Amino acid sequence: MTVAGTTGDENVTETSTPSTDEAQAAPAAADGAEAGELFRESEIAADYVEGLLDILDYDGDIDELVQNGRPMVEVVGGRLNALVGQRGSTLEALQELTRLAIFRQTGTPSRLLLDVGGYRATRRKELGAIAKNAAEKVKEYGEPVRLEPMSAFERKCVHDVINALPGVMSESEGVEPSRRIVVRPAE
């Protein structure tokens, strides 16, 4: 197992003179503690995923990290497509099971993001292109564009791209598993 990540220690700054304002020191300590908790969640998740890989007799390297304020586990290796499934459905299920394993040990819900074989990074790029294409159509014709139903991860990726573009806005509509994004002209 390959391990990479942050333990939170690099968020603590050591100075030669103690700070007189304890209110300012408390948030820095809290950030370090939170980063440590997030990394612990990624460690729990990595152990759980490693156990699944052993049961399935799959080989993969597991990277544990904390990125953008959330724990992440990335699994890389050959023969992992079955763990992704059609349009990431198996990956989503594995992520939920892994989040439950974290909850079982910590007692708190986790925002863990699990990626297998770089699927999420590749899908994020595809979704960026879909979002930009939809925005161009909205700007050209002035009519809303409804995208295909997407997972929560996919919708977030599209919303992030649309929110960064001028002249368009996005909103989700519908009920899982048919929840989709509608891109509209900005009001």
N, C-alpha and C. Protein backbone atom coordinates (compact mmCIF):
# COMPACT_ATOMS: atom_id res chain seq x y z
N MET A 1 0.85 -1.18 0.00
CA MET A 1 0.00 0.00 0.00
C MET A 1 0.89 1.23 0.00
N THR A 2 0.58 2.18 -0.88
CA THR A 2 1.30 3.43 -0.96
C THR A 2 0.51 4.48 -0.19
N VAL A 3 1.17 5.26 0.63
CA VAL A 3 0.48 6.26 1.43
C VAL A 3 1.08 7.62 1.12
N ALA A 4 0.19 8.58 0.80
CA ALA A 4 0.60 9.95 0.58
C ALA A 4 -0.45 10.84 1.20
N GLY A 5 -0.06 11.97 1.74
CA GLY A 5 -1.08 12.85 2.29
C GLY A 5 -0.53 13.79 3.31
N THR A 6 -1.48 14.44 4.00
CA THR A 6 -1.10 15.40 5.01
C THR A 6 -1.62 14.93 6.34
N THR A 7 -0.84 15.15 7.37
CA THR A 7 -1.27 14.78 8.71
C THR A 7 -1.78 15.97 9.49
N GLY A 8 -1.64 17.15 8.91
CA GLY A 8 -2.08 18.34 9.60
C GLY A 8 -0.95 19.05 10.30
N ASP A 9 0.20 18.41 10.48
CA ASP A 9 1.32 19.04 11.18
C ASP A 9 1.85 20.24 10.43
N GLU A 10 1.76 20.23 9.09
CA GLU A 10 2.30 21.36 8.35
C GLU A 10 1.42 22.60 8.46
N ASN A 11 0.22 22.48 9.06
CA ASN A 11 -0.64 23.64 9.27
C ASN A 11 -0.27 24.40 10.53
N VAL A 12 0.58 23.85 11.36
CA VAL A 12 0.96 24.49 12.61
C VAL A 12 2.25 25.27 12.40
N THR A 13 2.23 26.53 12.74
CA THR A 13 3.41 27.37 12.60
C THR A 13 4.03 27.57 13.96
N GLU A 14 5.33 27.25 14.08
CA GLU A 14 6.02 27.43 15.35
C GLU A 14 6.75 28.76 15.33
N THR A 15 6.57 29.53 16.38
CA THR A 15 7.27 30.81 16.50
C THR A 15 8.07 30.81 17.80
N SER A 16 9.07 31.66 17.87
CA SER A 16 9.91 31.68 19.07
C SER A 16 9.26 32.44 20.21
N THR A 17 8.32 33.32 19.93
CA THR A 17 7.63 34.05 20.99
C THR A 17 6.17 33.63 21.01
N PRO A 18 5.64 33.31 22.18
CA PRO A 18 4.24 32.89 22.25
C PRO A 18 3.30 34.05 21.90
N SER A 19 2.17 33.71 21.29
CA SER A 19 1.17 34.69 20.91
C SER A 19 0.41 35.14 22.15
N THR A 20 0.09 36.42 22.20
CA THR A 20 -0.68 36.93 23.33
C THR A 20 -2.17 36.83 23.07
N ASP A 21 -2.54 36.62 21.83
CA ASP A 21 -3.95 36.55 21.49
C ASP A 21 -4.35 35.09 21.31
N GLU A 22 -4.89 34.50 22.37
CA GLU A 22 -5.26 33.09 22.32
C GLU A 22 -6.40 32.83 21.36
N ALA A 23 -7.23 33.81 21.09
CA ALA A 23 -8.35 33.65 20.17
C ALA A 23 -7.85 33.38 18.75
N GLN A 24 -6.69 33.95 18.39
CA GLN A 24 -6.14 33.69 17.07
C GLN A 24 -5.48 32.32 17.00
N ALA A 25 -4.92 31.84 18.09
CA ALA A 25 -4.24 30.55 18.12
C ALA A 25 -5.24 29.40 18.05
N ALA A 26 -6.41 29.59 18.63
CA ALA A 26 -7.39 28.50 18.66
C ALA A 26 -7.83 28.04 17.27
N PRO A 27 -8.14 28.96 16.31
CA PRO A 27 -8.53 28.48 14.99
C PRO A 27 -7.42 27.70 14.29
N ALA A 28 -6.17 28.10 14.44
CA ALA A 28 -5.07 27.37 13.81
C ALA A 28 -4.97 25.97 14.39
N ALA A 29 -5.14 25.84 15.70
CA ALA A 29 -5.10 24.52 16.32
C ALA A 29 -6.29 23.69 15.86
N ALA A 30 -7.44 24.33 15.74
CA ALA A 30 -8.64 23.62 15.28
C ALA A 30 -8.45 23.14 13.85
N ASP A 31 -7.85 23.97 12.98
CA ASP A 31 -7.60 23.57 11.59
C ASP A 31 -6.67 22.36 11.55
N GLY A 32 -5.62 22.37 12.37
CA GLY A 32 -4.70 21.24 12.43
C GLY A 32 -5.39 19.98 12.93
N ALA A 33 -6.24 20.14 13.95
CA ALA A 33 -6.97 18.99 14.49
C ALA A 33 -7.94 18.46 13.44
N GLU A 34 -8.61 19.37 12.72
CA GLU A 34 -9.56 18.94 11.69
C GLU A 34 -8.83 18.21 10.56
N ALA A 35 -7.69 18.71 10.14
CA ALA A 35 -6.92 18.04 9.09
C ALA A 35 -6.49 16.66 9.56
N GLY A 36 -6.11 16.55 10.81
CA GLY A 36 -5.75 15.25 11.36
C GLY A 36 -6.92 14.29 11.37
N GLU A 37 -8.11 14.79 11.71
CA GLU A 37 -9.32 13.96 11.70
C GLU A 37 -9.65 13.53 10.28
N LEU A 38 -9.51 14.43 9.32
CA LEU A 38 -9.79 14.10 7.93
C LEU A 38 -8.81 13.05 7.42
N PHE A 39 -7.54 13.19 7.79
CA PHE A 39 -6.56 12.19 7.36
C PHE A 39 -6.85 10.85 8.01
N ARG A 40 -7.31 10.86 9.25
CA ARG A 40 -7.69 9.61 9.93
C ARG A 40 -8.83 8.93 9.17
N GLU A 41 -9.80 9.74 8.69
CA GLU A 41 -10.89 9.18 7.90
C GLU A 41 -10.35 8.52 6.63
N SER A 42 -9.37 9.16 5.98
CA SER A 42 -8.81 8.57 4.76
C SER A 42 -8.05 7.28 5.08
N GLU A 43 -7.42 7.22 6.26
CA GLU A 43 -6.74 5.99 6.67
C GLU A 43 -7.74 4.85 6.91
N ILE A 44 -8.83 5.17 7.58
CA ILE A 44 -9.87 4.16 7.83
C ILE A 44 -10.42 3.67 6.49
N ALA A 45 -10.67 4.60 5.60
CA ALA A 45 -11.19 4.25 4.28
C ALA A 45 -10.21 3.38 3.51
N ALA A 46 -8.93 3.74 3.56
CA ALA A 46 -7.92 2.96 2.84
C ALA A 46 -7.85 1.53 3.37
N ASP A 47 -7.93 1.38 4.69
CA ASP A 47 -7.92 0.04 5.27
C ASP A 47 -9.13 -0.77 4.81
N TYR A 48 -10.30 -0.12 4.77
CA TYR A 48 -11.52 -0.78 4.34
C TYR A 48 -11.41 -1.20 2.87
N VAL A 49 -10.96 -0.29 2.02
CA VAL A 49 -10.83 -0.58 0.59
C VAL A 49 -9.78 -1.66 0.36
N GLU A 50 -8.70 -1.62 1.11
CA GLU A 50 -7.67 -2.65 0.99
C GLU A 50 -8.24 -4.03 1.32
N GLY A 51 -9.09 -4.09 2.34
CA GLY A 51 -9.75 -5.35 2.68
C GLY A 51 -10.65 -5.84 1.56
N LEU A 52 -11.38 -4.92 0.93
CA LEU A 52 -12.23 -5.29 -0.20
C LEU A 52 -11.39 -5.82 -1.37
N LEU A 53 -10.29 -5.14 -1.65
CA LEU A 53 -9.42 -5.58 -2.74
C LEU A 53 -8.87 -6.98 -2.46
N ASP A 54 -8.51 -7.24 -1.22
CA ASP A 54 -8.02 -8.56 -0.85
C ASP A 54 -9.10 -9.63 -1.05
N ILE A 55 -10.31 -9.35 -0.62
CA ILE A 55 -11.42 -10.29 -0.78
C ILE A 55 -11.67 -10.58 -2.26
N LEU A 56 -11.62 -9.53 -3.08
CA LEU A 56 -11.88 -9.68 -4.51
C LEU A 56 -10.67 -10.18 -5.29
N ASP A 57 -9.52 -10.27 -4.62
CA ASP A 57 -8.26 -10.67 -5.24
C ASP A 57 -7.87 -9.71 -6.37
N TYR A 58 -8.01 -8.40 -6.09
CA TYR A 58 -7.60 -7.35 -7.02
C TYR A 58 -6.34 -6.71 -6.47
N ASP A 59 -5.45 -6.33 -7.38
CA ASP A 59 -4.25 -5.60 -6.98
C ASP A 59 -4.45 -4.12 -7.26
N GLY A 60 -4.02 -3.30 -6.33
CA GLY A 60 -4.11 -1.86 -6.53
C GLY A 60 -3.31 -1.13 -5.47
N ASP A 61 -2.75 -0.01 -5.85
CA ASP A 61 -2.07 0.87 -4.90
C ASP A 61 -3.10 1.85 -4.37
N ILE A 62 -3.03 2.10 -3.07
CA ILE A 62 -4.00 2.98 -2.42
C ILE A 62 -3.27 4.20 -1.89
N ASP A 63 -3.75 5.37 -2.31
CA ASP A 63 -3.21 6.64 -1.83
C ASP A 63 -4.24 7.30 -0.93
N GLU A 64 -3.80 7.70 0.26
CA GLU A 64 -4.65 8.39 1.23
C GLU A 64 -4.25 9.85 1.22
N LEU A 65 -5.21 10.76 1.15
CA LEU A 65 -4.88 12.17 1.20
C LEU A 65 -6.07 12.99 1.66
N VAL A 66 -5.79 14.24 1.93
CA VAL A 66 -6.83 15.21 2.24
C VAL A 66 -6.68 16.32 1.21
N GLN A 67 -7.76 16.59 0.48
CA GLN A 67 -7.71 17.59 -0.58
C GLN A 67 -8.97 18.43 -0.54
N ASN A 68 -8.80 19.74 -0.60
CA ASN A 68 -9.93 20.67 -0.56
C ASN A 68 -10.84 20.44 0.64
N GLY A 69 -10.23 20.14 1.77
CA GLY A 69 -10.98 20.00 3.01
C GLY A 69 -11.80 18.73 3.11
N ARG A 70 -11.45 17.72 2.33
CA ARG A 70 -12.17 16.45 2.46
C ARG A 70 -11.22 15.28 2.28
N PRO A 71 -11.50 14.18 3.00
CA PRO A 71 -10.64 13.01 2.88
C PRO A 71 -10.84 12.34 1.52
N MET A 72 -9.74 11.81 0.98
CA MET A 72 -9.80 11.14 -0.31
C MET A 72 -9.00 9.85 -0.27
N VAL A 73 -9.44 8.89 -1.04
CA VAL A 73 -8.70 7.66 -1.25
C VAL A 73 -8.73 7.40 -2.75
N GLU A 74 -7.54 7.19 -3.31
CA GLU A 74 -7.43 6.87 -4.73
C GLU A 74 -6.84 5.47 -4.86
N VAL A 75 -7.45 4.67 -5.69
CA VAL A 75 -6.97 3.32 -5.96
C VAL A 75 -6.52 3.29 -7.41
N VAL A 76 -5.27 2.89 -7.64
CA VAL A 76 -4.74 2.81 -9.00
C VAL A 76 -4.18 1.41 -9.24
N GLY A 77 -4.31 0.98 -10.47
CA GLY A 77 -3.81 -0.35 -10.83
C GLY A 77 -4.59 -0.89 -12.01
N GLY A 78 -4.20 -2.07 -12.47
CA GLY A 78 -4.88 -2.71 -13.59
C GLY A 78 -6.09 -3.49 -13.12
N ARG A 79 -6.94 -3.84 -14.04
CA ARG A 79 -8.13 -4.67 -13.78
C ARG A 79 -9.07 -4.06 -12.73
N LEU A 80 -9.23 -2.77 -12.72
CA LEU A 80 -10.09 -2.15 -11.71
C LEU A 80 -11.41 -1.63 -12.29
N ASN A 81 -11.63 -1.79 -13.60
CA ASN A 81 -12.84 -1.25 -14.23
C ASN A 81 -14.12 -1.79 -13.60
N ALA A 82 -14.08 -3.03 -13.13
CA ALA A 82 -15.28 -3.61 -12.50
C ALA A 82 -15.65 -2.85 -11.23
N LEU A 83 -14.67 -2.21 -10.59
CA LEU A 83 -14.95 -1.43 -9.38
C LEU A 83 -15.55 -0.06 -9.69
N VAL A 84 -15.49 0.34 -10.94
CA VAL A 84 -16.09 1.61 -11.37
C VAL A 84 -17.53 1.36 -11.81
N GLY A 85 -17.74 0.33 -12.61
CA GLY A 85 -19.08 0.00 -13.08
C GLY A 85 -19.55 0.95 -14.16
N GLN A 86 -20.77 0.70 -14.62
CA GLN A 86 -21.35 1.52 -15.68
C GLN A 86 -21.63 2.92 -15.17
N ARG A 87 -21.00 3.90 -15.82
CA ARG A 87 -21.15 5.32 -15.47
C ARG A 87 -20.85 5.59 -14.00
N GLY A 88 -19.95 4.80 -13.41
CA GLY A 88 -19.51 5.04 -12.04
C GLY A 88 -20.46 4.53 -10.97
N SER A 89 -21.45 3.73 -11.34
CA SER A 89 -22.45 3.30 -10.36
C SER A 89 -21.84 2.41 -9.27
N THR A 90 -20.96 1.52 -9.64
CA THR A 90 -20.32 0.67 -8.63
C THR A 90 -19.40 1.49 -7.74
N LEU A 91 -18.70 2.43 -8.33
CA LEU A 91 -17.83 3.33 -7.56
C LEU A 91 -18.63 4.12 -6.54
N GLU A 92 -19.79 4.63 -6.93
CA GLU A 92 -20.65 5.37 -6.00
C GLU A 92 -21.08 4.48 -4.83
N ALA A 93 -21.43 3.22 -5.13
CA ALA A 93 -21.83 2.28 -4.08
C ALA A 93 -20.67 1.97 -3.14
N LEU A 94 -19.48 1.74 -3.71
CA LEU A 94 -18.30 1.51 -2.89
C LEU A 94 -17.97 2.71 -2.01
N GLN A 95 -18.15 3.89 -2.56
CA GLN A 95 -17.91 5.11 -1.77
C GLN A 95 -18.85 5.16 -0.58
N GLU A 96 -20.12 4.85 -0.79
CA GLU A 96 -21.09 4.88 0.31
C GLU A 96 -20.76 3.82 1.36
N LEU A 97 -20.37 2.63 0.93
CA LEU A 97 -19.98 1.59 1.88
C LEU A 97 -18.76 2.02 2.69
N THR A 98 -17.82 2.66 2.02
CA THR A 98 -16.61 3.13 2.70
C THR A 98 -16.95 4.24 3.68
N ARG A 99 -17.87 5.13 3.31
CA ARG A 99 -18.31 6.17 4.23
C ARG A 99 -18.97 5.55 5.46
N LEU A 100 -19.74 4.48 5.26
CA LEU A 100 -20.36 3.79 6.40
C LEU A 100 -19.31 3.16 7.31
N ALA A 101 -18.24 2.63 6.71
CA ALA A 101 -17.16 2.05 7.52
C ALA A 101 -16.51 3.14 8.38
N ILE A 102 -16.34 4.32 7.82
CA ILE A 102 -15.77 5.45 8.56
C ILE A 102 -16.73 5.84 9.69
N PHE A 103 -18.01 5.95 9.37
CA PHE A 103 -19.01 6.32 10.38
C PHE A 103 -19.02 5.32 11.52
N ARG A 104 -18.89 4.06 11.19
CA ARG A 104 -18.89 3.01 12.21
C ARG A 104 -17.75 3.18 13.21
N GLN A 105 -16.59 3.64 12.71
CA GLN A 105 -15.44 3.80 13.60
C GLN A 105 -15.39 5.16 14.29
N THR A 106 -15.88 6.20 13.62
CA THR A 106 -15.75 7.55 14.18
C THR A 106 -17.03 8.07 14.81
N GLY A 107 -18.17 7.56 14.37
CA GLY A 107 -19.44 8.06 14.88
C GLY A 107 -19.90 9.35 14.22
N THR A 108 -19.15 9.82 13.21
CA THR A 108 -19.54 11.04 12.51
C THR A 108 -19.59 10.76 11.00
N PRO A 109 -20.53 11.40 10.29
CA PRO A 109 -20.61 11.22 8.84
C PRO A 109 -19.35 11.75 8.16
N SER A 110 -19.01 11.15 7.03
CA SER A 110 -17.81 11.54 6.30
C SER A 110 -18.17 12.04 4.91
N ARG A 111 -17.35 12.96 4.41
CA ARG A 111 -17.49 13.45 3.03
C ARG A 111 -16.42 12.82 2.14
N LEU A 112 -15.96 11.62 2.49
CA LEU A 112 -14.92 10.94 1.75
C LEU A 112 -15.23 10.89 0.26
N LEU A 113 -14.19 11.11 -0.55
CA LEU A 113 -14.29 10.95 -1.99
C LEU A 113 -13.39 9.78 -2.38
N LEU A 114 -13.97 8.77 -2.99
CA LEU A 114 -13.24 7.58 -3.43
C LEU A 114 -13.10 7.63 -4.94
N ASP A 115 -11.89 7.40 -5.44
CA ASP A 115 -11.66 7.34 -6.87
C ASP A 115 -10.94 6.05 -7.20
N VAL A 116 -11.32 5.43 -8.28
CA VAL A 116 -10.70 4.18 -8.73
C VAL A 116 -10.24 4.37 -10.17
N GLY A 117 -8.96 4.11 -10.39
CA GLY A 117 -8.41 4.17 -11.73
C GLY A 117 -8.49 5.52 -12.40
N GLY A 118 -8.60 6.59 -11.62
CA GLY A 118 -8.67 7.93 -12.19
C GLY A 118 -10.00 8.25 -12.84
N TYR A 119 -11.03 7.45 -12.56
CA TYR A 119 -12.34 7.65 -13.18
C TYR A 119 -12.90 9.04 -12.91
N ARG A 120 -12.85 9.47 -11.66
CA ARG A 120 -13.46 10.77 -11.32
C ARG A 120 -12.75 11.93 -12.01
N ALA A 121 -11.42 11.88 -12.09
CA ALA A 121 -10.68 12.95 -12.76
C ALA A 121 -11.05 13.01 -14.24
N THR A 122 -11.13 11.85 -14.88
CA THR A 122 -11.50 11.79 -16.29
C THR A 122 -12.93 12.28 -16.49
N ARG A 123 -13.83 11.82 -15.63
CA ARG A 123 -15.24 12.21 -15.74
C ARG A 123 -15.41 13.70 -15.50
N ARG A 124 -14.62 14.26 -14.58
CA ARG A 124 -14.70 15.70 -14.30
C ARG A 124 -14.39 16.49 -15.56
N LYS A 125 -13.38 16.07 -16.34
CA LYS A 125 -13.03 16.76 -17.59
C LYS A 125 -14.16 16.64 -18.60
N GLU A 126 -14.74 15.45 -18.73
CA GLU A 126 -15.85 15.24 -19.65
C GLU A 126 -17.03 16.14 -19.27
N LEU A 127 -17.34 16.21 -17.99
CA LEU A 127 -18.45 17.01 -17.52
C LEU A 127 -18.21 18.50 -17.75
N GLY A 128 -16.94 18.92 -17.64
CA GLY A 128 -16.60 20.31 -17.94
C GLY A 128 -16.92 20.65 -19.37
N ALA A 129 -16.62 19.75 -20.29
CA ALA A 129 -16.91 19.97 -21.70
C ALA A 129 -18.43 19.99 -21.94
N ILE A 130 -19.16 19.09 -21.28
CA ILE A 130 -20.62 19.06 -21.40
C ILE A 130 -21.22 20.37 -20.89
N ALA A 131 -20.73 20.84 -19.75
CA ALA A 131 -21.24 22.08 -19.16
C ALA A 131 -20.98 23.27 -20.07
N LYS A 132 -19.77 23.36 -20.61
CA LYS A 132 -19.43 24.48 -21.51
C LYS A 132 -20.27 24.43 -22.78
N ASN A 133 -20.50 23.25 -23.31
CA ASN A 133 -21.33 23.10 -24.50
C ASN A 133 -22.77 23.56 -24.21
N ALA A 134 -23.30 23.15 -23.07
CA ALA A 134 -24.66 23.56 -22.69
C ALA A 134 -24.73 25.07 -22.52
N ALA A 135 -23.71 25.66 -21.90
CA ALA A 135 -23.69 27.11 -21.71
C ALA A 135 -23.66 27.84 -23.04
N GLU A 136 -22.89 27.34 -24.00
CA GLU A 136 -22.84 27.96 -25.32
C GLU A 136 -24.21 27.92 -26.00
N LYS A 137 -24.92 26.78 -25.88
CA LYS A 137 -26.26 26.66 -26.47
C LYS A 137 -27.23 27.64 -25.82
N VAL A 138 -27.15 27.76 -24.50
CA VAL A 138 -28.03 28.68 -23.78
C VAL A 138 -27.76 30.11 -24.23
N LYS A 139 -26.51 30.48 -24.35
CA LYS A 139 -26.16 31.84 -24.78
C LYS A 139 -26.60 32.09 -26.22
N GLU A 140 -26.45 31.09 -27.08
CA GLU A 140 -26.78 31.25 -28.49
C GLU A 140 -28.29 31.34 -28.72
N TYR A 141 -29.07 30.46 -28.07
CA TYR A 141 -30.50 30.38 -28.33
C TYR A 141 -31.36 31.03 -27.26
N GLY A 142 -30.80 31.31 -26.08
CA GLY A 142 -31.55 31.93 -25.00
C GLY A 142 -32.58 31.02 -24.35
N GLU A 143 -32.49 29.73 -24.60
CA GLU A 143 -33.43 28.75 -24.05
C GLU A 143 -32.71 27.85 -23.04
N PRO A 144 -33.42 27.39 -22.01
CA PRO A 144 -32.80 26.47 -21.04
C PRO A 144 -32.39 25.16 -21.71
N VAL A 145 -31.34 24.56 -21.19
CA VAL A 145 -30.87 23.25 -21.66
C VAL A 145 -30.92 22.30 -20.48
N ARG A 146 -31.64 21.17 -20.67
CA ARG A 146 -31.72 20.13 -19.64
C ARG A 146 -30.71 19.05 -19.97
N LEU A 147 -29.86 18.75 -18.99
CA LEU A 147 -28.85 17.72 -19.18
C LEU A 147 -29.40 16.38 -18.72
N GLU A 148 -28.71 15.32 -19.07
CA GLU A 148 -29.12 13.97 -18.67
C GLU A 148 -29.04 13.83 -17.15
N PRO A 149 -29.78 12.88 -16.57
CA PRO A 149 -29.67 12.65 -15.12
C PRO A 149 -28.23 12.32 -14.73
N MET A 150 -27.82 12.83 -13.56
CA MET A 150 -26.44 12.66 -13.10
C MET A 150 -26.41 12.37 -11.61
N SER A 151 -25.28 11.81 -11.18
CA SER A 151 -25.06 11.59 -9.75
C SER A 151 -24.75 12.93 -9.08
N ALA A 152 -24.75 12.94 -7.78
CA ALA A 152 -24.44 14.17 -7.04
C ALA A 152 -23.04 14.68 -7.39
N PHE A 153 -22.06 13.78 -7.49
CA PHE A 153 -20.71 14.17 -7.86
C PHE A 153 -20.71 14.84 -9.23
N GLU A 154 -21.40 14.25 -10.19
CA GLU A 154 -21.42 14.80 -11.54
C GLU A 154 -22.12 16.16 -11.57
N ARG A 155 -23.23 16.27 -10.85
CA ARG A 155 -23.94 17.56 -10.82
C ARG A 155 -23.07 18.65 -10.22
N LYS A 156 -22.34 18.32 -9.16
CA LYS A 156 -21.45 19.32 -8.54
C LYS A 156 -20.40 19.79 -9.53
N CYS A 157 -19.83 18.87 -10.29
CA CYS A 157 -18.82 19.24 -11.29
C CYS A 157 -19.41 20.21 -12.31
N VAL A 158 -20.62 19.93 -12.78
CA VAL A 158 -21.27 20.80 -13.77
C VAL A 158 -21.60 22.15 -13.16
N HIS A 159 -22.18 22.14 -11.96
CA HIS A 159 -22.51 23.42 -11.30
C HIS A 159 -21.26 24.28 -11.13
N ASP A 160 -20.14 23.68 -10.75
CA ASP A 160 -18.90 24.43 -10.56
C ASP A 160 -18.47 25.12 -11.86
N VAL A 161 -18.57 24.43 -12.98
CA VAL A 161 -18.18 25.01 -14.27
C VAL A 161 -19.15 26.12 -14.66
N ILE A 162 -20.45 25.86 -14.55
CA ILE A 162 -21.46 26.86 -14.94
C ILE A 162 -21.35 28.11 -14.07
N ASN A 163 -21.13 27.94 -12.76
CA ASN A 163 -21.01 29.09 -11.87
C ASN A 163 -19.83 29.99 -12.22
N ALA A 164 -18.82 29.44 -12.89
CA ALA A 164 -17.65 30.23 -13.27
C ALA A 164 -17.84 30.94 -14.60
N LEU A 165 -18.93 30.66 -15.30
CA LEU A 165 -19.16 31.26 -16.62
C LEU A 165 -20.15 32.42 -16.53
N PRO A 166 -19.87 33.52 -17.22
CA PRO A 166 -20.81 34.65 -17.20
C PRO A 166 -22.02 34.39 -18.11
N GLY A 167 -23.16 34.93 -17.72
CA GLY A 167 -24.35 34.88 -18.56
C GLY A 167 -25.21 33.64 -18.43
N VAL A 168 -24.79 32.67 -17.62
CA VAL A 168 -25.58 31.46 -17.43
C VAL A 168 -25.64 31.09 -15.96
N MET A 169 -26.65 30.30 -15.62
CA MET A 169 -26.80 29.78 -14.26
C MET A 169 -27.32 28.35 -14.36
N SER A 170 -27.20 27.61 -13.28
CA SER A 170 -27.66 26.22 -13.30
C SER A 170 -28.43 25.92 -12.03
N GLU A 171 -29.34 24.95 -12.16
CA GLU A 171 -30.08 24.46 -11.00
C GLU A 171 -30.40 23.00 -11.23
N SER A 172 -30.56 22.28 -10.15
CA SER A 172 -30.91 20.86 -10.24
C SER A 172 -32.42 20.73 -10.10
N GLU A 173 -32.96 19.74 -10.81
CA GLU A 173 -34.39 19.46 -10.70
C GLU A 173 -34.61 17.95 -10.73
N GLY A 174 -35.73 17.54 -10.20
CA GLY A 174 -36.06 16.13 -10.21
C GLY A 174 -35.66 15.44 -8.92
N VAL A 175 -35.88 14.13 -8.91
CA VAL A 175 -35.64 13.30 -7.73
C VAL A 175 -34.69 12.18 -8.14
N GLU A 176 -33.77 11.82 -7.22
CA GLU A 176 -32.83 10.72 -7.48
C GLU A 176 -33.61 9.48 -7.88
N PRO A 177 -33.18 8.68 -8.78
CA PRO A 177 -31.93 8.77 -9.53
C PRO A 177 -32.05 9.56 -10.84
N SER A 178 -33.15 10.27 -11.01
CA SER A 178 -33.37 11.02 -12.25
C SER A 178 -33.12 12.51 -12.08
N ARG A 179 -32.36 12.88 -11.07
CA ARG A 179 -32.07 14.30 -10.83
C ARG A 179 -31.13 14.80 -11.90
N ARG A 180 -31.43 15.97 -12.45
CA ARG A 180 -30.65 16.52 -13.56
C ARG A 180 -30.40 18.01 -13.38
N ILE A 181 -29.54 18.54 -14.21
CA ILE A 181 -29.24 19.97 -14.18
C ILE A 181 -29.91 20.66 -15.35
N VAL A 182 -30.45 21.84 -15.07
CA VAL A 182 -30.98 22.71 -16.11
C VAL A 182 -30.10 23.95 -16.14
N VAL A 183 -29.55 24.25 -17.32
CA VAL A 183 -28.73 25.44 -17.51
C VAL A 183 -29.62 26.50 -18.16
N ARG A 184 -29.63 27.70 -17.55
CA ARG A 184 -30.51 28.79 -18.02
C ARG A 184 -29.72 30.07 -18.21
N PRO A 185 -30.30 31.00 -18.98
CA PRO A 185 -29.65 32.32 -19.05
C PRO A 185 -29.67 32.96 -17.65
N ALA A 186 -28.62 33.67 -17.32
CA ALA A 186 -28.57 34.35 -16.02
C ALA A 186 -29.60 35.45 -15.99
N GLU A 187 -30.18 35.64 -14.82
CA GLU A 187 -31.23 36.67 -14.68
C GLU A 187 -30.67 38.00 -14.34
